[in-house]
Amino acid sequence: YFEGLEMGFDKYDNLIQKRVREKLEDHIEKSNKEPITKKSLVEYYTKHKSKYISPTTYTIKQAHVENTEQIGAISEVLSQPNSLSEVEIDSSIITVGSRGKFESYYHKITQDDLYNTFGKKLAEKIETFKIGQWIGPISSEKDTHYIKIISKHKGTLLPLEQIRHKVI
């Protein structure tokens, strides 16, 4: 258990986060606290707004490298304008989309989803990537990739009405 915590398995797993939240709700329900009023709910929500911000999402293109000996050739191709969408790339060098282990396009993928798909290293690095540029080669726990961020959508504060069940 503690080894799993050290490896960060609890940080990016929605199921574990949901279960911890359920355990906390159960604990609060069983304790002899005063009933929650609308006023106290609003006060708590206001004081803890940072907990109720939707996650930042990314729309990315991803190129999975099959043959790492060809990284120089791949970098050259990806440095060209409109690469990978209009340029056909030899599948022995780079694998895109359904031909590979990974999709070539991810729309509104969260940090947690990046972690689960590509591993911790890549998920943590993505904040530093510039929008519109191919970055790579990037070694992840799962393979070698080139990533291009198409767009980034910062998380927003979710309305209390939408997340009331999470605040309680």
N, C-alpha and C. Protein backbone atom coordinates (compact mmCIF):
# COMPACT_ATOMS: atom_id res chain seq x y z
N TYR A 1 0.83 -1.19 0.00
CA TYR A 1 0.00 0.00 0.00
C TYR A 1 0.87 1.26 0.00
N PHE A 2 1.82 1.34 0.94
CA PHE A 2 2.66 2.53 1.05
C PHE A 2 3.59 2.67 -0.17
N GLU A 3 4.02 1.56 -0.72
CA GLU A 3 4.83 1.61 -1.94
C GLU A 3 4.01 2.20 -3.09
N GLY A 4 2.75 1.81 -3.17
CA GLY A 4 1.85 2.37 -4.19
C GLY A 4 1.66 3.86 -4.01
N LEU A 5 1.54 4.31 -2.76
CA LEU A 5 1.42 5.75 -2.47
C LEU A 5 2.69 6.48 -2.89
N GLU A 6 3.84 5.89 -2.57
CA GLU A 6 5.12 6.49 -2.95
C GLU A 6 5.25 6.64 -4.46
N MET A 7 4.69 5.70 -5.19
CA MET A 7 4.76 5.72 -6.66
C MET A 7 3.70 6.65 -7.26
N GLY A 8 2.84 7.20 -6.41
CA GLY A 8 1.85 8.17 -6.88
C GLY A 8 0.59 7.56 -7.47
N PHE A 9 0.32 6.28 -7.22
CA PHE A 9 -0.85 5.65 -7.81
C PHE A 9 -2.16 6.27 -7.32
N ASP A 10 -2.14 6.91 -6.18
CA ASP A 10 -3.36 7.52 -5.64
C ASP A 10 -3.66 8.88 -6.28
N LYS A 11 -2.68 9.52 -6.91
CA LYS A 11 -2.82 10.90 -7.35
C LYS A 11 -3.65 11.07 -8.60
N TYR A 12 -3.60 10.15 -9.51
CA TYR A 12 -4.24 10.36 -10.80
C TYR A 12 -5.31 9.30 -11.09
N ASP A 13 -5.88 8.74 -10.06
CA ASP A 13 -6.86 7.68 -10.25
C ASP A 13 -8.23 8.16 -9.77
N ASN A 14 -9.13 8.38 -10.71
CA ASN A 14 -10.46 8.88 -10.38
C ASN A 14 -11.22 7.93 -9.46
N LEU A 15 -11.04 6.63 -9.64
CA LEU A 15 -11.72 5.65 -8.81
C LEU A 15 -11.27 5.76 -7.36
N ILE A 16 -9.98 5.89 -7.14
CA ILE A 16 -9.47 6.03 -5.77
C ILE A 16 -9.95 7.34 -5.16
N GLN A 17 -9.91 8.42 -5.92
CA GLN A 17 -10.37 9.70 -5.41
C GLN A 17 -11.85 9.64 -5.04
N LYS A 18 -12.65 8.98 -5.87
CA LYS A 18 -14.08 8.84 -5.58
C LYS A 18 -14.29 8.04 -4.31
N ARG A 19 -13.54 6.95 -4.16
CA ARG A 19 -13.68 6.10 -2.97
C ARG A 19 -13.28 6.83 -1.69
N VAL A 20 -12.22 7.63 -1.74
CA VAL A 20 -11.79 8.42 -0.58
C VAL A 20 -12.88 9.43 -0.22
N ARG A 21 -13.46 10.07 -1.25
CA ARG A 21 -14.53 11.04 -1.03
C ARG A 21 -15.74 10.34 -0.38
N GLU A 22 -16.08 9.14 -0.84
CA GLU A 22 -17.19 8.38 -0.26
C GLU A 22 -16.92 8.05 1.19
N LYS A 23 -15.69 7.62 1.48
CA LYS A 23 -15.33 7.30 2.87
C LYS A 23 -15.44 8.52 3.76
N LEU A 24 -14.99 9.68 3.27
CA LEU A 24 -15.08 10.92 4.04
C LEU A 24 -16.53 11.29 4.27
N GLU A 25 -17.36 11.21 3.23
CA GLU A 25 -18.78 11.54 3.37
C GLU A 25 -19.44 10.63 4.40
N ASP A 26 -19.10 9.34 4.34
CA ASP A 26 -19.64 8.38 5.30
C ASP A 26 -19.20 8.73 6.72
N HIS A 27 -17.96 9.11 6.88
CA HIS A 27 -17.44 9.50 8.20
C HIS A 27 -18.17 10.73 8.73
N ILE A 28 -18.34 11.72 7.89
CA ILE A 28 -19.03 12.95 8.30
C ILE A 28 -20.48 12.66 8.66
N GLU A 29 -21.11 11.82 7.86
CA GLU A 29 -22.51 11.48 8.11
C GLU A 29 -22.68 10.78 9.46
N LYS A 30 -21.73 9.94 9.82
CA LYS A 30 -21.82 9.19 11.07
C LYS A 30 -21.43 10.01 12.29
N SER A 31 -20.67 11.09 12.08
CA SER A 31 -20.26 11.91 13.21
C SER A 31 -21.44 12.76 13.68
N ASN A 32 -21.34 13.28 14.87
CA ASN A 32 -22.44 14.04 15.48
C ASN A 32 -22.30 15.53 15.21
N LYS A 33 -22.08 15.91 13.99
CA LYS A 33 -21.95 17.32 13.64
C LYS A 33 -23.31 17.92 13.40
N GLU A 34 -23.35 19.24 13.46
CA GLU A 34 -24.59 19.96 13.20
C GLU A 34 -25.01 19.75 11.76
N PRO A 35 -26.32 19.80 11.48
CA PRO A 35 -26.76 19.65 10.09
C PRO A 35 -26.21 20.79 9.22
N ILE A 36 -26.01 20.47 7.97
CA ILE A 36 -25.45 21.45 7.04
C ILE A 36 -26.56 22.38 6.55
N THR A 37 -26.32 23.67 6.72
CA THR A 37 -27.28 24.68 6.26
C THR A 37 -26.78 25.24 4.93
N LYS A 38 -27.68 25.91 4.22
CA LYS A 38 -27.28 26.52 2.95
C LYS A 38 -26.19 27.56 3.20
N LYS A 39 -26.33 28.32 4.29
CA LYS A 39 -25.34 29.35 4.61
C LYS A 39 -23.96 28.73 4.87
N SER A 40 -23.93 27.66 5.68
CA SER A 40 -22.63 27.04 5.98
C SER A 40 -22.04 26.39 4.73
N LEU A 41 -22.89 25.87 3.86
CA LEU A 41 -22.43 25.27 2.62
C LEU A 41 -21.78 26.33 1.72
N VAL A 42 -22.43 27.47 1.58
CA VAL A 42 -21.90 28.57 0.76
C VAL A 42 -20.60 29.09 1.36
N GLU A 43 -20.54 29.23 2.68
CA GLU A 43 -19.32 29.70 3.34
C GLU A 43 -18.16 28.73 3.09
N TYR A 44 -18.43 27.44 3.22
CA TYR A 44 -17.38 26.45 3.00
C TYR A 44 -16.91 26.48 1.54
N TYR A 45 -17.86 26.52 0.64
CA TYR A 45 -17.54 26.57 -0.80
C TYR A 45 -16.70 27.80 -1.11
N THR A 46 -17.06 28.94 -0.58
CA THR A 46 -16.34 30.18 -0.83
C THR A 46 -14.92 30.10 -0.28
N LYS A 47 -14.79 29.54 0.90
CA LYS A 47 -13.48 29.43 1.54
C LYS A 47 -12.56 28.43 0.83
N HIS A 48 -13.14 27.41 0.21
CA HIS A 48 -12.35 26.33 -0.40
C HIS A 48 -12.54 26.26 -1.91
N LYS A 49 -12.69 27.39 -2.57
CA LYS A 49 -12.95 27.41 -4.02
C LYS A 49 -11.90 26.66 -4.83
N SER A 50 -10.68 26.68 -4.39
CA SER A 50 -9.61 26.03 -5.16
C SER A 50 -9.84 24.52 -5.32
N LYS A 51 -10.63 23.93 -4.44
CA LYS A 51 -10.92 22.50 -4.53
C LYS A 51 -11.94 22.19 -5.63
N TYR A 52 -12.64 23.21 -6.10
CA TYR A 52 -13.76 22.99 -7.00
C TYR A 52 -13.54 23.61 -8.37
N ILE A 53 -12.30 23.59 -8.79
CA ILE A 53 -11.95 24.07 -10.13
C ILE A 53 -11.84 22.85 -11.04
N SER A 54 -12.50 22.93 -12.18
CA SER A 54 -12.43 21.82 -13.13
C SER A 54 -10.98 21.66 -13.59
N PRO A 55 -10.61 20.47 -13.99
CA PRO A 55 -9.21 20.26 -14.40
C PRO A 55 -8.90 20.95 -15.72
N THR A 56 -7.64 21.34 -15.86
CA THR A 56 -7.15 21.86 -17.13
C THR A 56 -7.20 20.71 -18.14
N THR A 57 -7.62 21.03 -19.35
CA THR A 57 -7.65 20.01 -20.40
C THR A 57 -6.79 20.44 -21.58
N TYR A 58 -6.33 19.47 -22.31
CA TYR A 58 -5.47 19.71 -23.47
C TYR A 58 -6.06 19.00 -24.68
N THR A 59 -5.90 19.61 -25.82
CA THR A 59 -6.14 18.93 -27.08
C THR A 59 -4.77 18.79 -27.72
N ILE A 60 -4.39 17.54 -27.99
CA ILE A 60 -3.03 17.28 -28.45
C ILE A 60 -3.00 16.35 -29.65
N LYS A 61 -1.93 16.46 -30.42
CA LYS A 61 -1.56 15.45 -31.41
C LYS A 61 -0.39 14.70 -30.81
N GLN A 62 -0.32 13.43 -31.11
CA GLN A 62 0.73 12.59 -30.54
C GLN A 62 1.27 11.69 -31.62
N ALA A 63 2.56 11.59 -31.70
CA ALA A 63 3.21 10.67 -32.63
C ALA A 63 4.06 9.71 -31.80
N HIS A 64 3.80 8.44 -31.99
CA HIS A 64 4.48 7.39 -31.25
C HIS A 64 5.66 6.89 -32.08
N VAL A 65 6.84 6.87 -31.51
CA VAL A 65 8.04 6.46 -32.22
C VAL A 65 8.24 4.96 -32.05
N GLU A 66 8.25 4.26 -33.18
CA GLU A 66 8.49 2.82 -33.18
C GLU A 66 9.99 2.51 -33.20
N ASN A 67 10.72 3.25 -34.03
CA ASN A 67 12.14 2.97 -34.24
C ASN A 67 12.94 4.18 -33.76
N THR A 68 13.49 4.11 -32.56
CA THR A 68 14.19 5.26 -31.98
C THR A 68 15.48 5.62 -32.73
N GLU A 69 15.96 4.73 -33.59
CA GLU A 69 17.15 5.05 -34.38
C GLU A 69 16.85 6.11 -35.42
N GLN A 70 15.57 6.34 -35.71
CA GLN A 70 15.17 7.29 -36.74
C GLN A 70 14.73 8.64 -36.16
N ILE A 71 15.06 8.92 -34.90
CA ILE A 71 14.60 10.15 -34.25
C ILE A 71 15.04 11.41 -35.01
N GLY A 72 16.25 11.43 -35.55
CA GLY A 72 16.72 12.59 -36.31
C GLY A 72 15.83 12.86 -37.51
N ALA A 73 15.46 11.81 -38.25
CA ALA A 73 14.60 11.96 -39.43
C ALA A 73 13.21 12.41 -39.02
N ILE A 74 12.71 11.88 -37.92
CA ILE A 74 11.39 12.26 -37.43
C ILE A 74 11.38 13.73 -37.04
N SER A 75 12.40 14.15 -36.31
CA SER A 75 12.48 15.56 -35.87
C SER A 75 12.47 16.50 -37.07
N GLU A 76 13.16 16.10 -38.13
CA GLU A 76 13.21 16.93 -39.34
C GLU A 76 11.82 17.03 -39.98
N VAL A 77 11.13 15.91 -40.09
CA VAL A 77 9.79 15.91 -40.68
C VAL A 77 8.82 16.75 -39.84
N LEU A 78 8.88 16.59 -38.53
CA LEU A 78 7.94 17.30 -37.66
C LEU A 78 8.24 18.79 -37.56
N SER A 79 9.43 19.21 -37.94
CA SER A 79 9.75 20.64 -37.90
C SER A 79 9.16 21.38 -39.10
N GLN A 80 8.68 20.63 -40.09
CA GLN A 80 8.08 21.23 -41.28
C GLN A 80 6.67 21.73 -40.95
N PRO A 81 6.24 22.83 -41.56
CA PRO A 81 4.87 23.32 -41.35
C PRO A 81 3.85 22.26 -41.74
N ASN A 82 2.79 22.17 -40.97
CA ASN A 82 1.67 21.25 -41.23
C ASN A 82 2.09 19.78 -41.24
N SER A 83 3.16 19.46 -40.57
CA SER A 83 3.61 18.06 -40.57
C SER A 83 2.61 17.19 -39.81
N LEU A 84 2.63 15.96 -40.14
CA LEU A 84 1.84 14.88 -39.57
C LEU A 84 0.37 14.93 -39.94
N SER A 85 -0.17 16.07 -40.33
CA SER A 85 -1.55 16.07 -40.78
C SER A 85 -1.60 15.92 -42.29
N GLU A 86 -0.67 16.55 -43.00
CA GLU A 86 -0.66 16.47 -44.45
C GLU A 86 0.47 15.60 -44.99
N VAL A 87 1.49 15.35 -44.18
CA VAL A 87 2.65 14.59 -44.65
C VAL A 87 2.47 13.12 -44.29
N GLU A 88 2.67 12.24 -45.24
CA GLU A 88 2.62 10.81 -44.97
C GLU A 88 3.98 10.38 -44.44
N ILE A 89 3.99 9.71 -43.32
CA ILE A 89 5.25 9.31 -42.69
C ILE A 89 5.35 7.79 -42.74
N ASP A 90 6.54 7.32 -43.08
CA ASP A 90 6.79 5.88 -43.17
C ASP A 90 6.46 5.21 -41.84
N SER A 91 5.57 4.23 -41.87
CA SER A 91 5.12 3.58 -40.64
C SER A 91 6.21 2.79 -39.93
N SER A 92 7.34 2.54 -40.60
CA SER A 92 8.43 1.86 -39.90
C SER A 92 9.20 2.83 -39.02
N ILE A 93 9.02 4.12 -39.27
CA ILE A 93 9.72 5.13 -38.47
C ILE A 93 8.84 5.62 -37.34
N ILE A 94 7.60 5.96 -37.65
CA ILE A 94 6.72 6.57 -36.66
C ILE A 94 5.32 5.99 -36.84
N THR A 95 4.64 5.78 -35.77
CA THR A 95 3.33 5.19 -35.84
C THR A 95 2.30 6.17 -35.32
N VAL A 96 1.25 6.35 -36.08
CA VAL A 96 0.23 7.32 -35.74
C VAL A 96 -1.13 6.64 -35.74
N GLY A 97 -1.98 7.06 -34.81
CA GLY A 97 -3.37 6.61 -34.82
C GLY A 97 -3.53 5.13 -34.59
N SER A 98 -4.50 4.53 -35.29
CA SER A 98 -4.88 3.15 -35.03
C SER A 98 -3.78 2.15 -35.37
N ARG A 99 -2.75 2.59 -36.11
CA ARG A 99 -1.66 1.67 -36.43
C ARG A 99 -0.76 1.44 -35.21
N GLY A 100 -0.86 2.29 -34.21
CA GLY A 100 0.03 2.19 -33.06
C GLY A 100 -0.72 1.90 -31.77
N LYS A 101 0.02 1.98 -30.68
CA LYS A 101 -0.54 1.74 -29.36
C LYS A 101 -1.38 2.92 -28.88
N PHE A 102 -1.14 4.09 -29.46
CA PHE A 102 -1.77 5.31 -28.99
C PHE A 102 -2.56 5.97 -30.11
N GLU A 103 -3.51 6.79 -29.72
CA GLU A 103 -4.25 7.58 -30.70
C GLU A 103 -3.36 8.72 -31.17
N SER A 104 -3.66 9.27 -32.33
CA SER A 104 -2.87 10.39 -32.82
C SER A 104 -3.45 11.73 -32.35
N TYR A 105 -4.70 11.73 -31.89
CA TYR A 105 -5.37 12.97 -31.51
C TYR A 105 -6.16 12.72 -30.23
N TYR A 106 -5.98 13.60 -29.27
CA TYR A 106 -6.72 13.53 -28.00
C TYR A 106 -7.39 14.88 -27.78
N HIS A 107 -8.69 14.86 -27.61
CA HIS A 107 -9.47 16.09 -27.43
C HIS A 107 -9.86 16.24 -25.97
N LYS A 108 -9.48 17.37 -25.38
CA LYS A 108 -9.80 17.70 -23.99
C LYS A 108 -9.42 16.58 -23.02
N ILE A 109 -8.17 16.19 -23.10
CA ILE A 109 -7.64 15.16 -22.20
C ILE A 109 -7.14 15.85 -20.93
N THR A 110 -7.45 15.30 -19.77
CA THR A 110 -7.05 15.89 -18.49
C THR A 110 -5.67 15.38 -18.10
N GLN A 111 -5.10 16.00 -17.10
CA GLN A 111 -3.80 15.58 -16.56
C GLN A 111 -3.89 14.12 -16.08
N ASP A 112 -4.99 13.77 -15.43
CA ASP A 112 -5.17 12.39 -14.97
C ASP A 112 -5.19 11.42 -16.14
N ASP A 113 -5.90 11.79 -17.21
CA ASP A 113 -5.96 10.93 -18.39
C ASP A 113 -4.59 10.81 -19.06
N LEU A 114 -3.84 11.92 -19.10
CA LEU A 114 -2.48 11.89 -19.65
C LEU A 114 -1.62 10.93 -18.83
N TYR A 115 -1.74 11.01 -17.53
CA TYR A 115 -0.97 10.13 -16.64
C TYR A 115 -1.30 8.66 -16.93
N ASN A 116 -2.59 8.36 -17.04
CA ASN A 116 -3.00 6.98 -17.27
C ASN A 116 -2.62 6.49 -18.66
N THR A 117 -2.60 7.38 -19.65
CA THR A 117 -2.29 6.99 -21.02
C THR A 117 -0.80 6.91 -21.29
N PHE A 118 -0.06 7.95 -20.87
CA PHE A 118 1.35 8.05 -21.23
C PHE A 118 2.31 7.87 -20.06
N GLY A 119 1.82 7.95 -18.84
CA GLY A 119 2.69 7.81 -17.68
C GLY A 119 2.97 9.15 -17.01
N LYS A 120 3.59 9.05 -15.85
CA LYS A 120 3.82 10.20 -14.97
C LYS A 120 4.75 11.25 -15.59
N LYS A 121 5.87 10.81 -16.18
CA LYS A 121 6.86 11.76 -16.71
C LYS A 121 6.25 12.71 -17.72
N LEU A 122 5.55 12.18 -18.69
CA LEU A 122 4.97 13.01 -19.74
C LEU A 122 3.85 13.89 -19.17
N ALA A 123 3.02 13.33 -18.31
CA ALA A 123 1.91 14.09 -17.73
C ALA A 123 2.41 15.30 -16.94
N GLU A 124 3.52 15.13 -16.23
CA GLU A 124 4.06 16.24 -15.45
C GLU A 124 4.76 17.28 -16.33
N LYS A 125 5.32 16.87 -17.46
CA LYS A 125 6.04 17.79 -18.34
C LYS A 125 5.12 18.66 -19.20
N ILE A 126 3.91 18.22 -19.45
CA ILE A 126 3.07 18.88 -20.44
C ILE A 126 2.81 20.35 -20.13
N GLU A 127 2.82 20.73 -18.87
CA GLU A 127 2.61 22.13 -18.48
C GLU A 127 3.67 23.05 -19.10
N THR A 128 4.84 22.50 -19.38
CA THR A 128 5.95 23.33 -19.89
C THR A 128 5.97 23.41 -21.42
N PHE A 129 5.12 22.65 -22.09
CA PHE A 129 5.13 22.63 -23.55
C PHE A 129 4.45 23.87 -24.12
N LYS A 130 4.99 24.35 -25.23
CA LYS A 130 4.40 25.51 -25.92
C LYS A 130 3.29 25.03 -26.85
N ILE A 131 2.24 25.80 -26.93
CA ILE A 131 1.13 25.48 -27.82
C ILE A 131 1.57 25.66 -29.26
N GLY A 132 1.25 24.67 -30.10
CA GLY A 132 1.51 24.76 -31.52
C GLY A 132 2.86 24.24 -31.99
N GLN A 133 3.70 23.77 -31.07
CA GLN A 133 5.02 23.26 -31.45
C GLN A 133 5.12 21.78 -31.14
N TRP A 134 5.76 21.04 -32.04
CA TRP A 134 6.05 19.64 -31.75
C TRP A 134 7.19 19.60 -30.72
N ILE A 135 7.01 18.82 -29.69
CA ILE A 135 8.02 18.64 -28.65
C ILE A 135 8.42 17.17 -28.68
N GLY A 136 9.71 16.93 -28.69
CA GLY A 136 10.14 15.55 -28.65
C GLY A 136 11.54 15.39 -29.18
N PRO A 137 12.07 14.24 -29.06
CA PRO A 137 11.41 13.04 -28.54
C PRO A 137 11.27 13.10 -27.02
N ILE A 138 10.16 12.58 -26.53
CA ILE A 138 9.88 12.53 -25.09
C ILE A 138 9.78 11.06 -24.71
N SER A 139 10.60 10.66 -23.78
CA SER A 139 10.51 9.29 -23.28
C SER A 139 9.53 9.28 -22.12
N SER A 140 8.58 8.39 -22.20
CA SER A 140 7.64 8.20 -21.10
C SER A 140 7.87 6.81 -20.54
N GLU A 141 7.15 6.48 -19.50
CA GLU A 141 7.25 5.13 -18.94
C GLU A 141 6.77 4.09 -19.96
N LYS A 142 5.98 4.55 -20.93
CA LYS A 142 5.36 3.61 -21.85
C LYS A 142 6.01 3.56 -23.22
N ASP A 143 6.75 4.60 -23.63
CA ASP A 143 7.39 4.59 -24.95
C ASP A 143 8.03 5.95 -25.24
N THR A 144 8.30 6.21 -26.52
CA THR A 144 8.87 7.48 -26.96
C THR A 144 7.85 8.17 -27.85
N HIS A 145 7.67 9.47 -27.65
CA HIS A 145 6.60 10.21 -28.32
C HIS A 145 7.08 11.58 -28.77
N TYR A 146 6.33 12.14 -29.68
CA TYR A 146 6.37 13.56 -30.02
C TYR A 146 4.96 14.06 -29.71
N ILE A 147 4.88 15.22 -29.08
CA ILE A 147 3.59 15.78 -28.67
C ILE A 147 3.47 17.20 -29.21
N LYS A 148 2.28 17.53 -29.69
CA LYS A 148 1.98 18.89 -30.10
C LYS A 148 0.69 19.30 -29.42
N ILE A 149 0.76 20.35 -28.60
CA ILE A 149 -0.45 20.84 -27.95
C ILE A 149 -1.18 21.76 -28.94
N ILE A 150 -2.40 21.40 -29.25
CA ILE A 150 -3.23 22.19 -30.15
C ILE A 150 -3.90 23.31 -29.36
N SER A 151 -4.42 22.97 -28.18
CA SER A 151 -5.04 23.98 -27.32
C SER A 151 -4.99 23.54 -25.87
N LYS A 152 -5.08 24.52 -25.00
CA LYS A 152 -5.07 24.27 -23.56
C LYS A 152 -6.23 25.07 -22.98
N HIS A 153 -7.05 24.41 -22.17
CA HIS A 153 -8.19 25.06 -21.55
C HIS A 153 -8.02 24.99 -20.04
N LYS A 154 -7.72 26.14 -19.45
CA LYS A 154 -7.54 26.21 -18.00
C LYS A 154 -8.83 25.81 -17.31
N GLY A 155 -8.70 25.18 -16.18
CA GLY A 155 -9.87 24.80 -15.39
C GLY A 155 -10.61 26.04 -14.90
N THR A 156 -11.91 25.89 -14.72
CA THR A 156 -12.73 26.99 -14.23
C THR A 156 -13.44 26.57 -12.96
N LEU A 157 -13.82 27.56 -12.18
CA LEU A 157 -14.56 27.30 -10.94
C LEU A 157 -15.93 26.76 -11.29
N LEU A 158 -16.24 25.59 -10.77
CA LEU A 158 -17.54 24.98 -11.03
C LEU A 158 -18.59 25.61 -10.13
N PRO A 159 -19.78 25.88 -10.65
CA PRO A 159 -20.84 26.49 -9.82
C PRO A 159 -21.25 25.55 -8.70
N LEU A 160 -21.56 26.12 -7.55
CA LEU A 160 -21.95 25.34 -6.38
C LEU A 160 -23.12 24.42 -6.70
N GLU A 161 -24.08 24.88 -7.47
CA GLU A 161 -25.25 24.05 -7.80
C GLU A 161 -24.84 22.78 -8.53
N GLN A 162 -23.81 22.87 -9.35
CA GLN A 162 -23.36 21.73 -10.14
C GLN A 162 -22.59 20.71 -9.30
N ILE A 163 -21.93 21.16 -8.25
CA ILE A 163 -21.06 20.27 -7.47
C ILE A 163 -21.46 20.17 -6.01
N ARG A 164 -22.67 20.55 -5.70
CA ARG A 164 -23.15 20.55 -4.30
C ARG A 164 -22.84 19.23 -3.61
N HIS A 165 -23.06 18.11 -4.29
CA HIS A 165 -22.83 16.79 -3.72
C HIS A 165 -21.36 16.57 -3.34
N LYS A 166 -20.44 17.24 -4.02
CA LYS A 166 -19.02 17.12 -3.69
C LYS A 166 -18.64 18.00 -2.49
N VAL A 167 -19.33 19.11 -2.33
CA VAL A 167 -19.03 20.04 -1.25
C VAL A 167 -19.52 19.46 0.07
N ILE A 168 -20.66 18.80 0.03
CA ILE A 168 -21.23 18.18 1.25
C ILE A 168 -20.38 17.02 1.60
